[in-house]
Amino acid sequence: MLYAISGEDVPDSLEKRLAVRPAHLERVKALQEEGRLVLAGPYPAIDSPDPGPAGFSGSLIVAEFESLEAARAWAEADPYSTSGVYGKLMIRPFKKVLPP
């Protein structure tokens, strides 16, 4: 089943986010290589594709996991979670409708 993982960054997390980004991307790319990733990306903190020093307010990942517990375990083990970039995580089942 698909799950939406939404992480909310703590204030002033850009430096920490950039430091652990390579490890985070490695894990997300593994989901992609396994054919489990639907989409992934950050929420810019301002209305711009390149927010510069304003940074990001969080991230969204939609991917396939065996269960809600598996999705939660994956999200909690992510470098953005373990390093303190995320202050809050929300993991929900997700039903993709469009595009087919």
PDB file of N, CA and C in Angstrom:
ATOM      1  N   MET A   1       0.834  -1.174   0.000  1.00  0.00           N
ATOM      2  CA  MET A   1       0.000   0.000   0.000  1.00  0.00           C
ATOM      3  C   MET A   1       0.885   1.246   0.000  1.00  0.00           C
ATOM      4  N   LEU A   2       0.342   2.338  -0.527  1.00  0.00           N
ATOM      5  CA  LEU A   2       1.066   3.600  -0.524  1.00  0.00           C
ATOM      6  C   LEU A   2       0.842   4.338   0.790  1.00  0.00           C
ATOM      7  N   TYR A   3       1.891   5.092   1.184  1.00  0.00           N
ATOM      8  CA  TYR A   3       1.825   5.917   2.386  1.00  0.00           C
ATOM      9  C   TYR A   3       2.434   7.269   2.075  1.00  0.00           C
ATOM     10  N   ALA A   4       1.808   8.324   2.598  1.00  0.00           N
ATOM     11  CA  ALA A   4       2.336   9.678   2.490  1.00  0.00           C
ATOM     12  C   ALA A   4       3.073   9.990   3.785  1.00  0.00           C
ATOM     13  N   ILE A   5       4.330  10.347   3.638  1.00  0.00           N
ATOM     14  CA  ILE A   5       5.172  10.713   4.776  1.00  0.00           C
ATOM     15  C   ILE A   5       5.441  12.208   4.657  1.00  0.00           C
ATOM     16  N   SER A   6       4.959  12.976   5.624  1.00  0.00           N
ATOM     17  CA  SER A   6       5.163  14.414   5.620  1.00  0.00           C
ATOM     18  C   SER A   6       5.944  14.790   6.872  1.00  0.00           C
ATOM     19  N   GLY A   7       7.120  15.349   6.643  1.00  0.00           N
ATOM     20  CA  GLY A   7       7.951  15.800   7.758  1.00  0.00           C
ATOM     21  C   GLY A   7       7.941  17.310   7.829  1.00  0.00           C
ATOM     22  N   GLU A   8       7.789  17.831   9.023  1.00  0.00           N
ATOM     23  CA  GLU A   8       7.794  19.280   9.238  1.00  0.00           C
ATOM     24  C   GLU A   8       9.115  19.674   9.892  1.00  0.00           C
ATOM     25  N   ASP A   9       9.851  20.571   9.241  1.00  0.00           N
ATOM     26  CA  ASP A   9      11.150  20.997   9.762  1.00  0.00           C
ATOM     27  C   ASP A   9      11.008  21.860  11.012  1.00  0.00           C
ATOM     28  N   VAL A  10      11.990  21.738  11.882  1.00  0.00           N
ATOM     29  CA  VAL A  10      12.090  22.647  13.017  1.00  0.00           C
ATOM     30  C   VAL A  10      12.587  23.994  12.483  1.00  0.00           C
ATOM     31  N   PRO A  11      12.393  25.082  13.210  1.00  0.00           N
ATOM     32  CA  PRO A  11      12.900  26.380  12.756  1.00  0.00           C
ATOM     33  C   PRO A  11      14.425  26.358  12.585  1.00  0.00           C
ATOM     34  N   ASP A  12      14.907  27.110  11.619  1.00  0.00           N
ATOM     35  CA  ASP A  12      16.348  27.277  11.372  1.00  0.00           C
ATOM     36  C   ASP A  12      17.069  25.951  11.142  1.00  0.00           C
ATOM     37  N   SER A  13      16.458  25.064  10.373  1.00  0.00           N
ATOM     38  CA  SER A  13      17.035  23.734  10.154  1.00  0.00           C
ATOM     39  C   SER A  13      17.835  23.613   8.867  1.00  0.00           C
ATOM     40  N   LEU A  14      17.958  24.688   8.078  1.00  0.00           N
ATOM     41  CA  LEU A  14      18.579  24.577   6.762  1.00  0.00           C
ATOM     42  C   LEU A  14      19.993  24.008   6.815  1.00  0.00           C
ATOM     43  N   GLU A  15      20.820  24.496   7.709  1.00  0.00           N
ATOM     44  CA  GLU A  15      22.209  24.014   7.788  1.00  0.00           C
ATOM     45  C   GLU A  15      22.247  22.514   8.102  1.00  0.00           C
ATOM     46  N   LYS A  16      21.461  22.098   9.048  1.00  0.00           N
ATOM     47  CA  LYS A  16      21.392  20.685   9.418  1.00  0.00           C
ATOM     48  C   LYS A  16      20.829  19.856   8.260  1.00  0.00           C
ATOM     49  N   ARG A  17      19.792  20.380   7.606  1.00  0.00           N
ATOM     50  CA  ARG A  17      19.169  19.697   6.466  1.00  0.00           C
ATOM     51  C   ARG A  17      20.204  19.452   5.364  1.00  0.00           C
ATOM     52  N   LEU A  18      20.966  20.498   5.033  1.00  0.00           N
ATOM     53  CA  LEU A  18      21.968  20.370   3.974  1.00  0.00           C
ATOM     54  C   LEU A  18      23.065  19.382   4.355  1.00  0.00           C
ATOM     55  N   ALA A  19      23.413  19.321   5.621  1.00  0.00           N
ATOM     56  CA  ALA A  19      24.474  18.418   6.075  1.00  0.00           C
ATOM     57  C   ALA A  19      24.090  16.946   5.918  1.00  0.00           C
ATOM     58  N   VAL A  20      22.828  16.620   6.153  1.00  0.00           N
ATOM     59  CA  VAL A  20      22.414  15.211   6.095  1.00  0.00           C
ATOM     60  C   VAL A  20      21.677  14.864   4.804  1.00  0.00           C
ATOM     61  N   ARG A  21      21.518  15.837   3.916  1.00  0.00           N
ATOM     62  CA  ARG A  21      20.784  15.616   2.666  1.00  0.00           C
ATOM     63  C   ARG A  21      21.329  14.449   1.844  1.00  0.00           C
ATOM     64  N   PRO A  22      22.654  14.292   1.664  1.00  0.00           N
ATOM     65  CA  PRO A  22      23.136  13.155   0.870  1.00  0.00           C
ATOM     66  C   PRO A  22      22.668  11.796   1.422  1.00  0.00           C
ATOM     67  N   ALA A  23      22.689  11.634   2.733  1.00  0.00           N
ATOM     68  CA  ALA A  23      22.240  10.371   3.337  1.00  0.00           C
ATOM     69  C   ALA A  23      20.734  10.198   3.159  1.00  0.00           C
ATOM     70  N   HIS A  24      19.985  11.282   3.284  1.00  0.00           N
ATOM     71  CA  HIS A  24      18.535  11.234   3.075  1.00  0.00           C
ATOM     72  C   HIS A  24      18.227  10.831   1.633  1.00  0.00           C
ATOM     73  N   LEU A  25      18.896  11.478   0.672  1.00  0.00           N
ATOM     74  CA  LEU A  25      18.647  11.166  -0.736  1.00  0.00           C
ATOM     75  C   LEU A  25      19.025   9.734  -1.087  1.00  0.00           C
ATOM     76  N   GLU A  26      20.047   9.222  -0.461  1.00  0.00           N
ATOM     77  CA  GLU A  26      20.454   7.825  -0.685  1.00  0.00           C
ATOM     78  C   GLU A  26      19.308   6.874  -0.322  1.00  0.00           C
ATOM     79  N   ARG A  27      18.653   7.132   0.797  1.00  0.00           N
ATOM     80  CA  ARG A  27      17.534   6.278   1.226  1.00  0.00           C
ATOM     81  C   ARG A  27      16.330   6.419   0.292  1.00  0.00           C
ATOM     82  N   VAL A  28      16.057   7.645  -0.143  1.00  0.00           N
ATOM     83  CA  VAL A  28      14.928   7.869  -1.042  1.00  0.00           C
ATOM     84  C   VAL A  28      15.212   7.234  -2.409  1.00  0.00           C
ATOM     85  N   LYS A  29      16.445   7.353  -2.888  1.00  0.00           N
ATOM     86  CA  LYS A  29      16.818   6.736  -4.161  1.00  0.00           C
ATOM     87  C   LYS A  29      16.711   5.213  -4.091  1.00  0.00           C
ATOM     88  N   ALA A  30      16.959   4.633  -2.927  1.00  0.00           N
ATOM     89  CA  ALA A  30      16.793   3.183  -2.763  1.00  0.00           C
ATOM     90  C   ALA A  30      15.328   2.800  -2.961  1.00  0.00           C
ATOM     91  N   LEU A  31      14.412   3.606  -2.438  1.00  0.00           N
ATOM     92  CA  LEU A  31      12.990   3.352  -2.674  1.00  0.00           C
ATOM     93  C   LEU A  31      12.686   3.418  -4.169  1.00  0.00           C
ATOM     94  N   GLN A  32      13.281   4.391  -4.846  1.00  0.00           N
ATOM     95  CA  GLN A  32      13.070   4.535  -6.277  1.00  0.00           C
ATOM     96  C   GLN A  32      13.595   3.316  -7.039  1.00  0.00           C
ATOM     97  N   GLU A  33      14.795   2.883  -6.700  1.00  0.00           N
ATOM     98  CA  GLU A  33      15.393   1.730  -7.374  1.00  0.00           C
ATOM     99  C   GLU A  33      14.578   0.460  -7.154  1.00  0.00           C
ATOM    100  N   GLU A  34      13.898   0.381  -6.017  1.00  0.00           N
ATOM    101  CA  GLU A  34      13.046  -0.771  -5.711  1.00  0.00           C
ATOM    102  C   GLU A  34      11.666  -0.647  -6.361  1.00  0.00           C
ATOM    103  N   GLY A  35      11.406   0.464  -7.057  1.00  0.00           N
ATOM    104  CA  GLY A  35      10.120   0.672  -7.708  1.00  0.00           C
ATOM    105  C   GLY A  35       8.999   1.023  -6.747  1.00  0.00           C
ATOM    106  N   ARG A  36       9.342   1.545  -5.571  1.00  0.00           N
ATOM    107  CA  ARG A  36       8.348   1.834  -4.533  1.00  0.00           C
ATOM    108  C   ARG A  36       8.036   3.315  -4.382  1.00  0.00           C
ATOM    109  N   LEU A  37       8.804   4.189  -5.018  1.00  0.00           N
ATOM    110  CA  LEU A  37       8.643   5.627  -4.843  1.00  0.00           C
ATOM    111  C   LEU A  37       7.678   6.202  -5.874  1.00  0.00           C
ATOM    112  N   VAL A  38       6.687   6.954  -5.411  1.00  0.00           N
ATOM    113  CA  VAL A  38       5.767   7.664  -6.295  1.00  0.00           C
ATOM    114  C   VAL A  38       6.273   9.087  -6.517  1.00  0.00           C
ATOM    115  N   LEU A  39       6.615   9.782  -5.426  1.00  0.00           N
ATOM    116  CA  LEU A  39       7.171  11.136  -5.528  1.00  0.00           C
ATOM    117  C   LEU A  39       7.841  11.500  -4.214  1.00  0.00           C
ATOM    118  N   ALA A  40       8.739  12.479  -4.310  1.00  0.00           N
ATOM    119  CA  ALA A  40       9.427  12.970  -3.113  1.00  0.00           C
ATOM    120  C   ALA A  40       9.951  14.365  -3.383  1.00  0.00           C
ATOM    121  N   GLY A  41       9.927  15.200  -2.366  1.00  0.00           N
ATOM    122  CA  GLY A  41      10.485  16.534  -2.506  1.00  0.00           C
ATOM    123  C   GLY A  41      10.209  17.387  -1.294  1.00  0.00           C
ATOM    124  N   PRO A  42      10.921  18.527  -1.218  1.00  0.00           N
ATOM    125  CA  PRO A  42      10.759  19.434  -0.080  1.00  0.00           C
ATOM    126  C   PRO A  42       9.683  20.474  -0.309  1.00  0.00           C
ATOM    127  N   TYR A  43       9.232  21.072   0.799  1.00  0.00           N
ATOM    128  CA  TYR A  43       8.336  22.219   0.766  1.00  0.00           C
ATOM    129  C   TYR A  43       9.200  23.474   0.925  1.00  0.00           C
ATOM    130  N   PRO A  44       9.361  24.295  -0.118  1.00  0.00           N
ATOM    131  CA  PRO A  44      10.108  25.539   0.064  1.00  0.00           C
ATOM    132  C   PRO A  44       9.407  26.427   1.105  1.00  0.00           C
ATOM    133  N   ALA A  45      10.186  27.111   1.909  1.00  0.00           N
ATOM    134  CA  ALA A  45       9.630  27.963   2.967  1.00  0.00           C
ATOM    135  C   ALA A  45       8.997  29.236   2.405  1.00  0.00           C
ATOM    136  N   ILE A  46       9.345  29.581   1.166  1.00  0.00           N
ATOM    137  CA  ILE A  46       8.750  30.738   0.493  1.00  0.00           C
ATOM    138  C   ILE A  46       8.271  30.299  -0.883  1.00  0.00           C
ATOM    139  N   ASP A  47       7.518  31.129  -1.535  1.00  0.00           N
ATOM    140  CA  ASP A  47       6.947  30.807  -2.839  1.00  0.00           C
ATOM    141  C   ASP A  47       8.000  30.942  -3.933  1.00  0.00           C
ATOM    142  N   SER A  48       8.923  29.973  -3.963  1.00  0.00           N
ATOM    143  CA  SER A  48      10.015  29.992  -4.928  1.00  0.00           C
ATOM    144  C   SER A  48      10.589  28.584  -5.050  1.00  0.00           C
ATOM    145  N   PRO A  49      10.939  28.160  -6.273  1.00  0.00           N
ATOM    146  CA  PRO A  49      11.557  26.832  -6.404  1.00  0.00           C
ATOM    147  C   PRO A  49      12.950  26.765  -5.774  1.00  0.00           C
ATOM    148  N   ASP A  50      13.601  27.925  -5.640  1.00  0.00           N
ATOM    149  CA  ASP A  50      14.903  27.999  -4.970  1.00  0.00           C
ATOM    150  C   ASP A  50      14.790  29.024  -3.840  1.00  0.00           C
ATOM    151  N   PRO A  51      14.446  28.559  -2.637  1.00  0.00           N
ATOM    152  CA  PRO A  51      14.189  29.503  -1.544  1.00  0.00           C
ATOM    153  C   PRO A  51      15.442  30.115  -0.921  1.00  0.00           C
ATOM    154  N   GLY A  52      16.622  29.692  -1.365  1.00  0.00           N
ATOM    155  CA  GLY A  52      17.856  30.253  -0.826  1.00  0.00           C
ATOM    156  C   GLY A  52      17.918  30.125   0.680  1.00  0.00           C
ATOM    157  N   PRO A  53      18.343  31.188   1.387  1.00  0.00           N
ATOM    158  CA  PRO A  53      18.503  31.100   2.836  1.00  0.00           C
ATOM    159  C   PRO A  53      17.196  30.923   3.607  1.00  0.00           C
ATOM    160  N   ALA A  54      16.052  31.131   2.949  1.00  0.00           N
ATOM    161  CA  ALA A  54      14.768  30.889   3.628  1.00  0.00           C
ATOM    162  C   ALA A  54      14.595  29.402   3.916  1.00  0.00           C
ATOM    163  N   GLY A  55      15.222  28.572   3.096  1.00  0.00           N
ATOM    164  CA  GLY A  55      15.213  27.130   3.331  1.00  0.00           C
ATOM    165  C   GLY A  55      13.884  26.468   3.030  1.00  0.00           C
ATOM    166  N   PHE A  56      13.611  25.433   3.781  1.00  0.00           N
ATOM    167  CA  PHE A  56      12.455  24.576   3.551  1.00  0.00           C
ATOM    168  C   PHE A  56      11.679  24.401   4.847  1.00  0.00           C
ATOM    169  N   SER A  57      10.408  24.102   4.690  1.00  0.00           N
ATOM    170  CA  SER A  57       9.566  23.911   5.877  1.00  0.00           C
ATOM    171  C   SER A  57       9.263  22.443   6.142  1.00  0.00           C
ATOM    172  N   GLY A  58       9.717  21.563   5.250  1.00  0.00           N
ATOM    173  CA  GLY A  58       9.480  20.135   5.427  1.00  0.00           C
ATOM    174  C   GLY A  58       9.613  19.398   4.118  1.00  0.00           C
ATOM    175  N   SER A  59       9.124  18.163   4.099  1.00  0.00           N
ATOM    176  CA  SER A  59       9.230  17.308   2.919  1.00  0.00           C
ATOM    177  C   SER A  59       8.033  16.387   2.824  1.00  0.00           C
ATOM    178  N   LEU A  60       7.798  15.907   1.604  1.00  0.00           N
ATOM    179  CA  LEU A  60       6.748  14.927   1.347  1.00  0.00           C
ATOM    180  C   LEU A  60       7.331  13.764   0.561  1.00  0.00           C
ATOM    181  N   ILE A  61       7.027  12.562   0.996  1.00  0.00           N
ATOM    182  CA  ILE A  61       7.396  11.342   0.278  1.00  0.00           C
ATOM    183  C   ILE A  61       6.142  10.491   0.184  1.00  0.00           C
ATOM    184  N   VAL A  62       5.848  10.019  -1.005  1.00  0.00           N
ATOM    185  CA  VAL A  62       4.771   9.046  -1.189  1.00  0.00           C
ATOM    186  C   VAL A  62       5.435   7.799  -1.753  1.00  0.00           C
ATOM    187  N   ALA A  63       5.316   6.712  -1.011  1.00  0.00           N
ATOM    188  CA  ALA A  63       5.987   5.473  -1.398  1.00  0.00           C
ATOM    189  C   ALA A  63       5.211   4.262  -0.896  1.00  0.00           C
ATOM    190  N   GLU A  64       5.558   3.120  -1.453  1.00  0.00           N
ATOM    191  CA  GLU A  64       4.915   1.868  -1.074  1.00  0.00           C
ATOM    192  C   GLU A  64       5.667   1.204   0.080  1.00  0.00           C
ATOM    193  N   PHE A  65       4.897   0.780   1.069  1.00  0.00           N
ATOM    194  CA  PHE A  65       5.445   0.030   2.207  1.00  0.00           C
ATOM    195  C   PHE A  65       4.502  -1.118   2.516  1.00  0.00           C
ATOM    196  N   GLU A  66       4.997  -2.101   3.235  1.00  0.00           N
ATOM    197  CA  GLU A  66       4.179  -3.268   3.586  1.00  0.00           C
ATOM    198  C   GLU A  66       3.057  -2.919   4.552  1.00  0.00           C
ATOM    199  N   SER A  67       3.284  -1.894   5.377  1.00  0.00           N
ATOM    200  CA  SER A  67       2.300  -1.541   6.403  1.00  0.00           C
ATOM    201  C   SER A  67       2.567  -0.137   6.897  1.00  0.00           C
ATOM    202  N   LEU A  68       1.608   0.390   7.638  1.00  0.00           N
ATOM    203  CA  LEU A  68       1.782   1.699   8.266  1.00  0.00           C
ATOM    204  C   LEU A  68       2.976   1.666   9.216  1.00  0.00           C
ATOM    205  N   GLU A  69       3.125   0.574   9.933  1.00  0.00           N
ATOM    206  CA  GLU A  69       4.245   0.441  10.871  1.00  0.00           C
ATOM    207  C   GLU A  69       5.580   0.469  10.129  1.00  0.00           C
ATOM    208  N   ALA A  70       5.647  -0.184   8.969  1.00  0.00           N
ATOM    209  CA  ALA A  70       6.881  -0.193   8.175  1.00  0.00           C
ATOM    210  C   ALA A  70       7.188   1.211   7.647  1.00  0.00           C
ATOM    211  N   ALA A  71       6.165   1.925   7.200  1.00  0.00           N
ATOM    212  CA  ALA A  71       6.361   3.296   6.725  1.00  0.00           C
ATOM    213  C   ALA A  71       6.842   4.188   7.863  1.00  0.00           C
ATOM    214  N   ARG A  72       6.239   4.032   9.038  1.00  0.00           N
ATOM    215  CA  ARG A  72       6.634   4.829  10.202  1.00  0.00           C
ATOM    216  C   ARG A  72       8.085   4.517  10.599  1.00  0.00           C
ATOM    217  N   ALA A  73       8.445   3.245  10.611  1.00  0.00           N
ATOM    218  CA  ALA A  73       9.817   2.859  10.975  1.00  0.00           C
ATOM    219  C   ALA A  73      10.823   3.441   9.978  1.00  0.00           C
ATOM    220  N   TRP A  74      10.480   3.390   8.683  1.00  0.00           N
ATOM    221  CA  TRP A  74      11.364   3.948   7.663  1.00  0.00           C
ATOM    222  C   TRP A  74      11.542   5.449   7.897  1.00  0.00           C
ATOM    223  N   ALA A  75      10.435   6.152   8.111  1.00  0.00           N
ATOM    224  CA  ALA A  75      10.481   7.605   8.306  1.00  0.00           C
ATOM    225  C   ALA A  75      11.253   7.990   9.568  1.00  0.00           C
ATOM    226  N   GLU A  76      11.050   7.243  10.627  1.00  0.00           N
ATOM    227  CA  GLU A  76      11.737   7.554  11.888  1.00  0.00           C
ATOM    228  C   GLU A  76      13.231   7.278  11.820  1.00  0.00           C
ATOM    229  N   ALA A  77      13.656   6.386  10.901  1.00  0.00           N
ATOM    230  CA  ALA A  77      15.075   6.075  10.747  1.00  0.00           C
ATOM    231  C   ALA A  77      15.768   6.985   9.729  1.00  0.00           C
ATOM    232  N   ASP A  78      15.011   7.826   9.047  1.00  0.00           N
ATOM    233  CA  ASP A  78      15.583   8.710   8.041  1.00  0.00           C
ATOM    234  C   ASP A  78      16.493   9.746   8.698  1.00  0.00           C
ATOM    235  N   PRO A  79      17.591  10.118   8.025  1.00  0.00           N
ATOM    236  CA  PRO A  79      18.500  11.115   8.607  1.00  0.00           C
ATOM    237  C   PRO A  79      17.845  12.444   8.964  1.00  0.00           C
ATOM    238  N   TYR A  80      16.820  12.860   8.233  1.00  0.00           N
ATOM    239  CA  TYR A  80      16.135  14.095   8.600  1.00  0.00           C
ATOM    240  C   TYR A  80      15.428  13.951   9.946  1.00  0.00           C
ATOM    241  N   SER A  81      14.988  12.749  10.262  1.00  0.00           N
ATOM    242  CA  SER A  81      14.359  12.504  11.564  1.00  0.00           C
ATOM    243  C   SER A  81      15.408  12.348  12.659  1.00  0.00           C
ATOM    244  N   THR A  82      16.405  11.507  12.408  1.00  0.00           N
ATOM    245  CA  THR A  82      17.380  11.194  13.453  1.00  0.00           C
ATOM    246  C   THR A  82      18.311  12.361  13.777  1.00  0.00           C
ATOM    247  N   SER A  83      18.488  13.289  12.825  1.00  0.00           N
ATOM    248  CA  SER A  83      19.385  14.424  13.079  1.00  0.00           C
ATOM    249  C   SER A  83      18.649  15.639  13.627  1.00  0.00           C
ATOM    250  N   GLY A  84      17.330  15.571  13.708  1.00  0.00           N
ATOM    251  CA  GLY A  84      16.571  16.672  14.264  1.00  0.00           C
ATOM    252  C   GLY A  84      16.120  17.717  13.260  1.00  0.00           C
ATOM    253  N   VAL A  85      16.212  17.425  11.948  1.00  0.00           N
ATOM    254  CA  VAL A  85      15.670  18.356  10.955  1.00  0.00           C
ATOM    255  C   VAL A  85      14.154  18.416  11.103  1.00  0.00           C
ATOM    256  N   TYR A  86      13.540  17.239  11.185  1.00  0.00           N
ATOM    257  CA  TYR A  86      12.091  17.174  11.363  1.00  0.00           C
ATOM    258  C   TYR A  86      11.743  17.307  12.836  1.00  0.00           C
ATOM    259  N   GLY A  87      10.775  18.153  13.106  1.00  0.00           N
ATOM    260  CA  GLY A  87      10.237  18.259  14.451  1.00  0.00           C
ATOM    261  C   GLY A  87       8.946  17.474  14.587  1.00  0.00           C
ATOM    262  N   LYS A  88       8.330  17.195  13.443  1.00  0.00           N
ATOM    263  CA  LYS A  88       7.047  16.486  13.447  1.00  0.00           C
ATOM    264  C   LYS A  88       6.955  15.622  12.201  1.00  0.00           C
ATOM    265  N   LEU A  89       6.440  14.412  12.368  1.00  0.00           N
ATOM    266  CA  LEU A  89       6.214  13.484  11.258  1.00  0.00           C
ATOM    267  C   LEU A  89       4.742  13.100  11.216  1.00  0.00           C
ATOM    268  N   MET A  90       4.201  13.036  10.011  1.00  0.00           N
ATOM    269  CA  MET A  90       2.850  12.529   9.833  1.00  0.00           C
ATOM    270  C   MET A  90       2.918  11.463   8.738  1.00  0.00           C
ATOM    271  N   ILE A  91       2.473  10.261   9.060  1.00  0.00           N
ATOM    272  CA  ILE A  91       2.457   9.156   8.106  1.00  0.00           C
ATOM    273  C   ILE A  91       1.023   8.685   7.982  1.00  0.00           C
ATOM    274  N   ARG A  92       0.529   8.680   6.742  1.00  0.00           N
ATOM    275  CA  ARG A  92      -0.857   8.285   6.495  1.00  0.00           C
ATOM    276  C   ARG A  92      -0.941   7.347   5.293  1.00  0.00           C
ATOM    277  N   PRO A  93      -1.896   6.417   5.319  1.00  0.00           N
ATOM    278  CA  PRO A  93      -2.165   5.648   4.109  1.00  0.00           C
ATOM    279  C   PRO A  93      -2.583   6.611   2.999  1.00  0.00           C
ATOM    280  N   PHE A  94      -2.211   6.272   1.765  1.00  0.00           N
ATOM    281  CA  PHE A  94      -2.483   7.145   0.627  1.00  0.00           C
ATOM    282  C   PHE A  94      -3.035   6.323  -0.519  1.00  0.00           C
ATOM    283  N   LYS A  95      -4.100   6.786  -1.127  1.00  0.00           N
ATOM    284  CA  LYS A  95      -4.693   6.115  -2.282  1.00  0.00           C
ATOM    285  C   LYS A  95      -4.497   6.994  -3.505  1.00  0.00           C
ATOM    286  N   LYS A  96      -3.671   6.534  -4.432  1.00  0.00           N
ATOM    287  CA  LYS A  96      -3.436   7.273  -5.658  1.00  0.00           C
ATOM    288  C   LYS A  96      -4.618   7.069  -6.594  1.00  0.00           C
ATOM    289  N   VAL A  97      -5.186   8.168  -7.086  1.00  0.00           N
ATOM    290  CA  VAL A  97      -6.313   8.103  -8.003  1.00  0.00           C
ATOM    291  C   VAL A  97      -5.875   8.543  -9.408  1.00  0.00           C
ATOM    292  N   LEU A  98      -5.175   9.675  -9.498  1.00  0.00           N
ATOM    293  CA  LEU A  98      -4.716  10.190 -10.785  1.00  0.00           C
ATOM    294  C   LEU A  98      -3.263  10.608 -10.685  1.00  0.00           C
ATOM    295  N   PRO A  99      -2.504  10.546 -11.745  1.00  0.00           N
ATOM    296  CA  PRO A  99      -2.842   9.863 -12.972  1.00  0.00           C
ATOM    297  C   PRO A  99      -2.883   8.355 -12.763  1.00  0.00           C
ATOM    298  N   PRO A 100      -3.547   7.665 -13.698  1.00  0.00           N
ATOM    299  CA  PRO A 100      -3.660   6.194 -13.527  1.00  0.00           C
ATOM    300  C   PRO A 100      -2.327   5.485 -13.594  1.00  0.00           C
TER     301      PRO A 100
END
